[in-house]
Amino acid sequence: MVDIMIVLILSLKVAPKDRKNVANVFDAIAGSTSVKPGCKRVKLYSDINNDDDLMLIEEWHSKAELERHIESNDFRKIMAIMDMAIEPP
C-alpha cells in the first residue's frame, strides 16, 4: 500500500523586528494544527544563514484534509502573517 502525503510549504522572509512575533504565532498554530484530523506533521524552520527566512511545512494525509485546514481560523492567521512578509511568499 502506498502512503500518500500532501505537503504545504510556505517560505517567507520577515523583517528582523517581526521575526520573534511571527515565530510565536506559527508555534501556536502548529500546536493546534498538529492535532487536526489528517495532519501528519507541522514544522517551522529557520535558515541557518539568514534568520529572517522562515519555512513552514505541513504534511497531510489527504488533499481534502488540507483543504479543510485552509478554510480554518488557523490558516487565516497564517494568511495574516504572510502579509507581514518583506518579500512575496
PDB file of N, CA and C in Angstrom:
ATOM      1  N   MET A   1       0.840  -1.176   0.000  1.00  0.00           N
ATOM      2  CA  MET A   1       0.000   0.000   0.000  1.00  0.00           C
ATOM      3  C   MET A   1       0.889   1.245   0.000  1.00  0.00           C
ATOM      4  N   VAL A   2       0.513   2.218  -0.791  1.00  0.00           N
ATOM      5  CA  VAL A   2       1.265   3.460  -0.905  1.00  0.00           C
ATOM      6  C   VAL A   2       0.725   4.469   0.104  1.00  0.00           C
ATOM      7  N   ASP A   3       1.620   5.079   0.857  1.00  0.00           N
ATOM      8  CA  ASP A   3       1.232   6.116   1.820  1.00  0.00           C
ATOM      9  C   ASP A   3       1.317   7.464   1.107  1.00  0.00           C
ATOM     10  N   ILE A   4       0.161   8.069   0.855  1.00  0.00           N
ATOM     11  CA  ILE A   4       0.112   9.351   0.166  1.00  0.00           C
ATOM     12  C   ILE A   4       0.263  10.467   1.184  1.00  0.00           C
ATOM     13  N   MET A   5       1.007  11.476   0.797  1.00  0.00           N
ATOM     14  CA  MET A   5       1.193  12.617   1.668  1.00  0.00           C
ATOM     15  C   MET A   5       1.065  13.886   0.834  1.00  0.00           C
ATOM     16  N   ILE A   6       0.309  14.833   1.349  1.00  0.00           N
ATOM     17  CA  ILE A   6       0.152  16.137   0.726  1.00  0.00           C
ATOM     18  C   ILE A   6       0.969  17.110   1.566  1.00  0.00           C
ATOM     19  N   VAL A   7       1.811  17.897   0.912  1.00  0.00           N
ATOM     20  CA  VAL A   7       2.709  18.795   1.641  1.00  0.00           C
ATOM     21  C   VAL A   7       2.418  20.241   1.274  1.00  0.00           C
ATOM     22  N   LEU A   8       2.257  21.067   2.301  1.00  0.00           N
ATOM     23  CA  LEU A   8       2.125  22.502   2.132  1.00  0.00           C
ATOM     24  C   LEU A   8       3.444  23.112   2.594  1.00  0.00           C
ATOM     25  N   ILE A   9       4.059  23.914   1.741  1.00  0.00           N
ATOM     26  CA  ILE A   9       5.312  24.578   2.090  1.00  0.00           C
ATOM     27  C   ILE A   9       5.117  26.079   1.915  1.00  0.00           C
ATOM     28  N   LEU A  10       5.363  26.814   2.985  1.00  0.00           N
ATOM     29  CA  LEU A  10       5.287  28.264   2.950  1.00  0.00           C
ATOM     30  C   LEU A  10       6.653  28.805   3.339  1.00  0.00           C
ATOM     31  N   SER A  11       7.260  29.502   2.415  1.00  0.00           N
ATOM     32  CA  SER A  11       8.559  30.105   2.669  1.00  0.00           C
ATOM     33  C   SER A  11       8.377  31.611   2.681  1.00  0.00           C
ATOM     34  N   LEU A  12       8.838  32.261   3.756  1.00  0.00           N
ATOM     35  CA  LEU A  12       8.699  33.697   3.779  1.00  0.00           C
ATOM     36  C   LEU A  12       9.857  34.371   4.491  1.00  0.00           C
ATOM     37  N   LYS A  13      10.083  35.596   4.064  1.00  0.00           N
ATOM     38  CA  LYS A  13      11.128  36.439   4.630  1.00  0.00           C
ATOM     39  C   LYS A  13      10.446  37.525   5.444  1.00  0.00           C
ATOM     40  N   VAL A  14      10.842  37.612   6.720  1.00  0.00           N
ATOM     41  CA  VAL A  14      10.234  38.600   7.608  1.00  0.00           C
ATOM     42  C   VAL A  14      11.294  39.581   8.092  1.00  0.00           C
ATOM     43  N   ALA A  15      10.842  40.761   8.436  1.00  0.00           N
ATOM     44  CA  ALA A  15      11.750  41.772   8.969  1.00  0.00           C
ATOM     45  C   ALA A  15      12.286  41.291  10.322  1.00  0.00           C
ATOM     46  N   PRO A  16      13.530  41.597  10.624  1.00  0.00           N
ATOM     47  CA  PRO A  16      14.104  41.167  11.909  1.00  0.00           C
ATOM     48  C   PRO A  16      13.243  41.554  13.110  1.00  0.00           C
ATOM     49  N   LYS A  17      12.613  42.711  13.056  1.00  0.00           N
ATOM     50  CA  LYS A  17      11.790  43.162  14.180  1.00  0.00           C
ATOM     51  C   LYS A  17      10.524  42.325  14.344  1.00  0.00           C
ATOM     52  N   ASP A  18      10.082  41.644  13.289  1.00  0.00           N
ATOM     53  CA  ASP A  18       8.860  40.846  13.329  1.00  0.00           C
ATOM     54  C   ASP A  18       9.113  39.353  13.524  1.00  0.00           C
ATOM     55  N   ARG A  19      10.360  38.930  13.422  1.00  0.00           N
ATOM     56  CA  ARG A  19      10.683  37.504  13.402  1.00  0.00           C
ATOM     57  C   ARG A  19      10.163  36.766  14.632  1.00  0.00           C
ATOM     58  N   LYS A  20      10.425  37.282  15.806  1.00  0.00           N
ATOM     59  CA  LYS A  20      10.007  36.600  17.038  1.00  0.00           C
ATOM     60  C   LYS A  20       8.488  36.486  17.105  1.00  0.00           C
ATOM     61  N   ASN A  21       7.779  37.552  16.759  1.00  0.00           N
ATOM     62  CA  ASN A  21       6.324  37.530  16.767  1.00  0.00           C
ATOM     63  C   ASN A  21       5.788  36.503  15.771  1.00  0.00           C
ATOM     64  N   VAL A  22       6.339  36.500  14.578  1.00  0.00           N
ATOM     65  CA  VAL A  22       5.907  35.549  13.546  1.00  0.00           C
ATOM     66  C   VAL A  22       6.176  34.119  14.012  1.00  0.00           C
ATOM     67  N   ALA A  23       7.347  33.869  14.554  1.00  0.00           N
ATOM     68  CA  ALA A  23       7.688  32.524  15.032  1.00  0.00           C
ATOM     69  C   ALA A  23       6.739  32.092  16.150  1.00  0.00           C
ATOM     70  N   ASN A  24       6.387  33.007  17.047  1.00  0.00           N
ATOM     71  CA  ASN A  24       5.464  32.675  18.145  1.00  0.00           C
ATOM     72  C   ASN A  24       4.082  32.328  17.621  1.00  0.00           C
ATOM     73  N   VAL A  25       3.605  33.078  16.633  1.00  0.00           N
ATOM     74  CA  VAL A  25       2.287  32.786  16.045  1.00  0.00           C
ATOM     75  C   VAL A  25       2.322  31.438  15.345  1.00  0.00           C
ATOM     76  N   PHE A  26       3.361  31.196  14.557  1.00  0.00           N
ATOM     77  CA  PHE A  26       3.488  29.897  13.888  1.00  0.00           C
ATOM     78  C   PHE A  26       3.541  28.761  14.905  1.00  0.00           C
ATOM     79  N   ASP A  27       4.256  28.969  16.006  1.00  0.00           N
ATOM     80  CA  ASP A  27       4.366  27.942  17.039  1.00  0.00           C
ATOM     81  C   ASP A  27       2.995  27.627  17.629  1.00  0.00           C
ATOM     82  N   ALA A  28       2.213  28.654  17.915  1.00  0.00           N
ATOM     83  CA  ALA A  28       0.862  28.452  18.461  1.00  0.00           C
ATOM     84  C   ALA A  28      -0.035  27.729  17.453  1.00  0.00           C
ATOM     85  N   ILE A  29       0.059  28.122  16.197  1.00  0.00           N
ATOM     86  CA  ILE A  29      -0.744  27.488  15.152  1.00  0.00           C
ATOM     87  C   ILE A  29      -0.328  26.031  14.973  1.00  0.00           C
ATOM     88  N   ALA A  30       0.963  25.768  15.033  1.00  0.00           N
ATOM     89  CA  ALA A  30       1.460  24.401  14.860  1.00  0.00           C
ATOM     90  C   ALA A  30       0.864  23.466  15.908  1.00  0.00           C
ATOM     91  N   GLY A  31       0.738  23.969  17.132  1.00  0.00           N
ATOM     92  CA  GLY A  31       0.168  23.135  18.186  1.00  0.00           C
ATOM     93  C   GLY A  31      -1.260  22.725  17.901  1.00  0.00           C
ATOM     94  N   SER A  32      -2.082  23.667  17.497  1.00  0.00           N
ATOM     95  CA  SER A  32      -3.486  23.340  17.230  1.00  0.00           C
ATOM     96  C   SER A  32      -3.657  22.607  15.897  1.00  0.00           C
ATOM     97  N   THR A  33      -2.796  22.898  14.942  1.00  0.00           N
ATOM     98  CA  THR A  33      -2.891  22.227  13.639  1.00  0.00           C
ATOM     99  C   THR A  33      -2.458  20.767  13.742  1.00  0.00           C
ATOM    100  N   SER A  34      -1.436  20.501  14.520  1.00  0.00           N
ATOM    101  CA  SER A  34      -0.876  19.139  14.583  1.00  0.00           C
ATOM    102  C   SER A  34      -1.864  18.100  15.125  1.00  0.00           C
ATOM    103  N   VAL A  35      -2.899  18.537  15.823  1.00  0.00           N
ATOM    104  CA  VAL A  35      -3.881  17.592  16.355  1.00  0.00           C
ATOM    105  C   VAL A  35      -5.142  17.505  15.490  1.00  0.00           C
ATOM    106  N   LYS A  36      -5.165  18.223  14.380  1.00  0.00           N
ATOM    107  CA  LYS A  36      -6.316  18.142  13.474  1.00  0.00           C
ATOM    108  C   LYS A  36      -6.306  16.804  12.747  1.00  0.00           C
ATOM    109  N   PRO A  37      -7.509  16.284  12.468  1.00  0.00           N
ATOM    110  CA  PRO A  37      -7.574  15.026  11.714  1.00  0.00           C
ATOM    111  C   PRO A  37      -6.853  15.161  10.376  1.00  0.00           C
ATOM    112  N   GLY A  38      -5.993  14.206  10.102  1.00  0.00           N
ATOM    113  CA  GLY A  38      -5.287  14.185   8.824  1.00  0.00           C
ATOM    114  C   GLY A  38      -3.932  14.848   8.828  1.00  0.00           C
ATOM    115  N   CYS A  39      -3.591  15.570   9.879  1.00  0.00           N
ATOM    116  CA  CYS A  39      -2.290  16.231   9.930  1.00  0.00           C
ATOM    117  C   CYS A  39      -1.240  15.235  10.410  1.00  0.00           C
ATOM    118  N   LYS A  40      -0.215  15.065   9.601  1.00  0.00           N
ATOM    119  CA  LYS A  40       0.872  14.159   9.969  1.00  0.00           C
ATOM    120  C   LYS A  40       1.977  14.894  10.717  1.00  0.00           C
ATOM    121  N   ARG A  41       2.245  16.142  10.292  1.00  0.00           N
ATOM    122  CA  ARG A  41       3.379  16.862  10.876  1.00  0.00           C
ATOM    123  C   ARG A  41       3.301  18.336  10.520  1.00  0.00           C
ATOM    124  N   VAL A  42       3.748  19.174  11.443  1.00  0.00           N
ATOM    125  CA  VAL A  42       3.879  20.612  11.212  1.00  0.00           C
ATOM    126  C   VAL A  42       5.235  21.022  11.768  1.00  0.00           C
ATOM    127  N   LYS A  43       6.038  21.682  10.956  1.00  0.00           N
ATOM    128  CA  LYS A  43       7.369  22.112  11.393  1.00  0.00           C
ATOM    129  C   LYS A  43       7.638  23.519  10.881  1.00  0.00           C
ATOM    130  N   LEU A  44       8.342  24.296  11.687  1.00  0.00           N
ATOM    131  CA  LEU A  44       8.803  25.623  11.288  1.00  0.00           C
ATOM    132  C   LEU A  44      10.312  25.588  11.288  1.00  0.00           C
ATOM    133  N   TYR A  45      10.892  26.027  10.187  1.00  0.00           N
ATOM    134  CA  TYR A  45      12.347  26.032  10.040  1.00  0.00           C
ATOM    135  C   TYR A  45      12.851  27.449   9.807  1.00  0.00           C
ATOM    136  N   SER A  46      14.074  27.675  10.231  1.00  0.00           N
ATOM    137  CA  SER A  46      14.757  28.947  10.008  1.00  0.00           C
ATOM    138  C   SER A  46      16.045  28.654   9.267  1.00  0.00           C
ATOM    139  N   ASP A  47      16.384  29.492   8.322  1.00  0.00           N
ATOM    140  CA  ASP A  47      17.629  29.352   7.573  1.00  0.00           C
ATOM    141  C   ASP A  47      18.805  29.653   8.504  1.00  0.00           C
ATOM    142  N   ILE A  48      19.765  28.746   8.585  1.00  0.00           N
ATOM    143  CA  ILE A  48      20.894  28.969   9.493  1.00  0.00           C
ATOM    144  C   ILE A  48      21.783  30.122   9.047  1.00  0.00           C
ATOM    145  N   ASN A  49      21.687  30.503   7.788  1.00  0.00           N
ATOM    146  CA  ASN A  49      22.489  31.611   7.280  1.00  0.00           C
ATOM    147  C   ASN A  49      21.742  32.940   7.294  1.00  0.00           C
ATOM    148  N   ASN A  50      20.416  32.872   7.492  1.00  0.00           N
ATOM    149  CA  ASN A  50      19.617  34.089   7.493  1.00  0.00           C
ATOM    150  C   ASN A  50      18.359  33.850   8.330  1.00  0.00           C
ATOM    151  N   ASP A  51      18.369  34.363   9.557  1.00  0.00           N
ATOM    152  CA  ASP A  51      17.254  34.149  10.475  1.00  0.00           C
ATOM    153  C   ASP A  51      15.933  34.727   9.992  1.00  0.00           C
ATOM    154  N   ASP A  52      15.974  35.616   9.016  1.00  0.00           N
ATOM    155  CA  ASP A  52      14.751  36.243   8.522  1.00  0.00           C
ATOM    156  C   ASP A  52      13.983  35.345   7.553  1.00  0.00           C
ATOM    157  N   ASP A  53      14.619  34.282   7.082  1.00  0.00           N
ATOM    158  CA  ASP A  53      13.974  33.339   6.166  1.00  0.00           C
ATOM    159  C   ASP A  53      13.377  32.193   6.970  1.00  0.00           C
ATOM    160  N   LEU A  54      12.060  32.093   6.939  1.00  0.00           N
ATOM    161  CA  LEU A  54      11.346  31.047   7.661  1.00  0.00           C
ATOM    162  C   LEU A  54      10.614  30.152   6.675  1.00  0.00           C
ATOM    163  N   MET A  55      10.452  28.889   7.045  1.00  0.00           N
ATOM    164  CA  MET A  55       9.725  27.953   6.202  1.00  0.00           C
ATOM    165  C   MET A  55       8.804  27.106   7.078  1.00  0.00           C
ATOM    166  N   LEU A  56       7.529  27.152   6.766  1.00  0.00           N
ATOM    167  CA  LEU A  56       6.532  26.330   7.440  1.00  0.00           C
ATOM    168  C   LEU A  56       6.227  25.150   6.527  1.00  0.00           C
ATOM    169  N   ILE A  57       6.308  23.948   7.081  1.00  0.00           N
ATOM    170  CA  ILE A  57       5.992  22.746   6.316  1.00  0.00           C
ATOM    171  C   ILE A  57       4.918  21.969   7.060  1.00  0.00           C
ATOM    172  N   GLU A  58       3.834  21.695   6.361  1.00  0.00           N
ATOM    173  CA  GLU A  58       2.748  20.888   6.905  1.00  0.00           C
ATOM    174  C   GLU A  58       2.578  19.663   6.015  1.00  0.00           C
ATOM    175  N   GLU A  59       2.418  18.502   6.634  1.00  0.00           N
ATOM    176  CA  GLU A  59       2.193  17.260   5.902  1.00  0.00           C
ATOM    177  C   GLU A  59       0.815  16.722   6.267  1.00  0.00           C
ATOM    178  N   TRP A  60       0.034  16.384   5.234  1.00  0.00           N
ATOM    179  CA  TRP A  60      -1.344  15.945   5.415  1.00  0.00           C
ATOM    180  C   TRP A  60      -1.570  14.606   4.732  1.00  0.00           C
ATOM    181  N   HIS A  61      -2.516  13.830   5.278  1.00  0.00           N
ATOM    182  CA  HIS A  61      -2.843  12.527   4.698  1.00  0.00           C
ATOM    183  C   HIS A  61      -3.607  12.651   3.387  1.00  0.00           C
ATOM    184  N   SER A  62      -4.384  13.731   3.238  1.00  0.00           N
ATOM    185  CA  SER A  62      -5.170  13.866   2.008  1.00  0.00           C
ATOM    186  C   SER A  62      -5.360  15.331   1.641  1.00  0.00           C
ATOM    187  N   LYS A  63      -5.664  15.543   0.376  1.00  0.00           N
ATOM    188  CA  LYS A  63      -5.946  16.889  -0.108  1.00  0.00           C
ATOM    189  C   LYS A  63      -7.181  17.462   0.580  1.00  0.00           C
ATOM    190  N   ALA A  64      -8.186  16.644   0.805  1.00  0.00           N
ATOM    191  CA  ALA A  64      -9.422  17.110   1.446  1.00  0.00           C
ATOM    192  C   ALA A  64      -9.146  17.614   2.861  1.00  0.00           C
ATOM    193  N   GLU A  65      -8.294  16.925   3.592  1.00  0.00           N
ATOM    194  CA  GLU A  65      -7.971  17.359   4.962  1.00  0.00           C
ATOM    195  C   GLU A  65      -7.183  18.664   4.949  1.00  0.00           C
ATOM    196  N   LEU A  66      -6.276  18.807   3.999  1.00  0.00           N
ATOM    197  CA  LEU A  66      -5.543  20.066   3.855  1.00  0.00           C
ATOM    198  C   LEU A  66      -6.511  21.189   3.494  1.00  0.00           C
ATOM    199  N   GLU A  67      -7.445  20.925   2.591  1.00  0.00           N
ATOM    200  CA  GLU A  67      -8.406  21.956   2.193  1.00  0.00           C
ATOM    201  C   GLU A  67      -9.274  22.404   3.367  1.00  0.00           C
ATOM    202  N   ARG A  68      -9.655  21.469   4.238  1.00  0.00           N
ATOM    203  CA  ARG A  68     -10.399  21.856   5.447  1.00  0.00           C
ATOM    204  C   ARG A  68      -9.546  22.764   6.320  1.00  0.00           C
ATOM    205  N   HIS A  69      -8.269  22.451   6.431  1.00  0.00           N
ATOM    206  CA  HIS A  69      -7.346  23.284   7.208  1.00  0.00           C
ATOM    207  C   HIS A  69      -7.238  24.683   6.595  1.00  0.00           C
ATOM    208  N   ILE A  70      -7.166  24.757   5.285  1.00  0.00           N
ATOM    209  CA  ILE A  70      -7.034  26.041   4.585  1.00  0.00           C
ATOM    210  C   ILE A  70      -8.257  26.931   4.850  1.00  0.00           C
ATOM    211  N   GLU A  71      -9.395  26.328   5.125  1.00  0.00           N
ATOM    212  CA  GLU A  71     -10.607  27.091   5.426  1.00  0.00           C
ATOM    213  C   GLU A  71     -10.743  27.439   6.908  1.00  0.00           C
ATOM    214  N   SER A  72      -9.768  27.056   7.731  1.00  0.00           N
ATOM    215  CA  SER A  72      -9.876  27.235   9.181  1.00  0.00           C
ATOM    216  C   SER A  72      -9.373  28.604   9.648  1.00  0.00           C
ATOM    217  N   ASN A  73      -9.694  28.913  10.900  1.00  0.00           N
ATOM    218  CA  ASN A  73      -9.197  30.146  11.514  1.00  0.00           C
ATOM    219  C   ASN A  73      -7.680  30.133  11.642  1.00  0.00           C
ATOM    220  N   ASP A  74      -7.107  28.969  11.911  1.00  0.00           N
ATOM    221  CA  ASP A  74      -5.645  28.882  11.999  1.00  0.00           C
ATOM    222  C   ASP A  74      -4.988  29.316  10.686  1.00  0.00           C
ATOM    223  N   PHE A  75      -5.560  28.883   9.577  1.00  0.00           N
ATOM    224  CA  PHE A  75      -4.953  29.251   8.297  1.00  0.00           C
ATOM    225  C   PHE A  75      -5.158  30.736   7.998  1.00  0.00           C
ATOM    226  N   ARG A  76      -6.238  31.313   8.488  1.00  0.00           N
ATOM    227  CA  ARG A  76      -6.431  32.767   8.327  1.00  0.00           C
ATOM    228  C   ARG A  76      -5.308  33.525   9.048  1.00  0.00           C
ATOM    229  N   LYS A  77      -4.870  32.993  10.182  1.00  0.00           N
ATOM    230  CA  LYS A  77      -3.739  33.596  10.900  1.00  0.00           C
ATOM    231  C   LYS A  77      -2.460  33.478  10.079  1.00  0.00           C
ATOM    232  N   ILE A  78      -2.278  32.354   9.417  1.00  0.00           N
ATOM    233  CA  ILE A  78      -1.114  32.177   8.540  1.00  0.00           C
ATOM    234  C   ILE A  78      -1.168  33.193   7.407  1.00  0.00           C
ATOM    235  N   MET A  79      -2.349  33.399   6.841  1.00  0.00           N
ATOM    236  CA  MET A  79      -2.502  34.381   5.763  1.00  0.00           C
ATOM    237  C   MET A  79      -2.148  35.788   6.252  1.00  0.00           C
ATOM    238  N   ALA A  80      -2.539  36.113   7.482  1.00  0.00           N
ATOM    239  CA  ALA A  80      -2.208  37.425   8.048  1.00  0.00           C
ATOM    240  C   ALA A  80      -0.703  37.575   8.208  1.00  0.00           C
ATOM    241  N   ILE A  81      -0.037  36.516   8.609  1.00  0.00           N
ATOM    242  CA  ILE A  81       1.427  36.558   8.739  1.00  0.00           C
ATOM    243  C   ILE A  81       2.075  36.741   7.372  1.00  0.00           C
ATOM    244  N   MET A  82       1.500  36.130   6.350  1.00  0.00           N
ATOM    245  CA  MET A  82       2.040  36.277   5.001  1.00  0.00           C
ATOM    246  C   MET A  82       2.052  37.754   4.591  1.00  0.00           C
ATOM    247  N   ASP A  83       1.077  38.509   5.076  1.00  0.00           N
ATOM    248  CA  ASP A  83       1.025  39.940   4.770  1.00  0.00           C
ATOM    249  C   ASP A  83       2.170  40.700   5.426  1.00  0.00           C
ATOM    250  N   MET A  84       2.780  40.127   6.453  1.00  0.00           N
ATOM    251  CA  MET A  84       3.903  40.764   7.141  1.00  0.00           C
ATOM    252  C   MET A  84       5.239  40.521   6.434  1.00  0.00           C
ATOM    253  N   ALA A  85       5.242  39.635   5.442  1.00  0.00           N
ATOM    254  CA  ALA A  85       6.483  39.300   4.750  1.00  0.00           C
ATOM    255  C   ALA A  85       7.047  40.514   4.031  1.00  0.00           C
ATOM    256  N   ILE A  86       8.378  40.601   4.010  1.00  0.00           N
ATOM    257  CA  ILE A  86       9.031  41.743   3.341  1.00  0.00           C
ATOM    258  C   ILE A  86       9.264  41.434   1.867  1.00  0.00           C
ATOM    259  N   GLU A  87       9.026  40.190   1.460  1.00  0.00           N
ATOM    260  CA  GLU A  87       9.059  39.776   0.060  1.00  0.00           C
ATOM    261  C   GLU A  87       7.853  38.860  -0.152  1.00  0.00           C
ATOM    262  N   PRO A  88       7.337  38.771  -1.358  1.00  0.00           N
ATOM    263  CA  PRO A  88       6.191  37.870  -1.585  1.00  0.00           C
ATOM    264  C   PRO A  88       6.536  36.448  -1.196  1.00  0.00           C
ATOM    265  N   PRO A  89       5.632  35.796  -0.422  1.00  0.00           N
ATOM    266  CA  PRO A  89       5.881  34.398  -0.018  1.00  0.00           C
ATOM    267  C   PRO A  89       5.880  33.472  -1.215  1.00  0.00           C
TER     268      PRO A  89
END
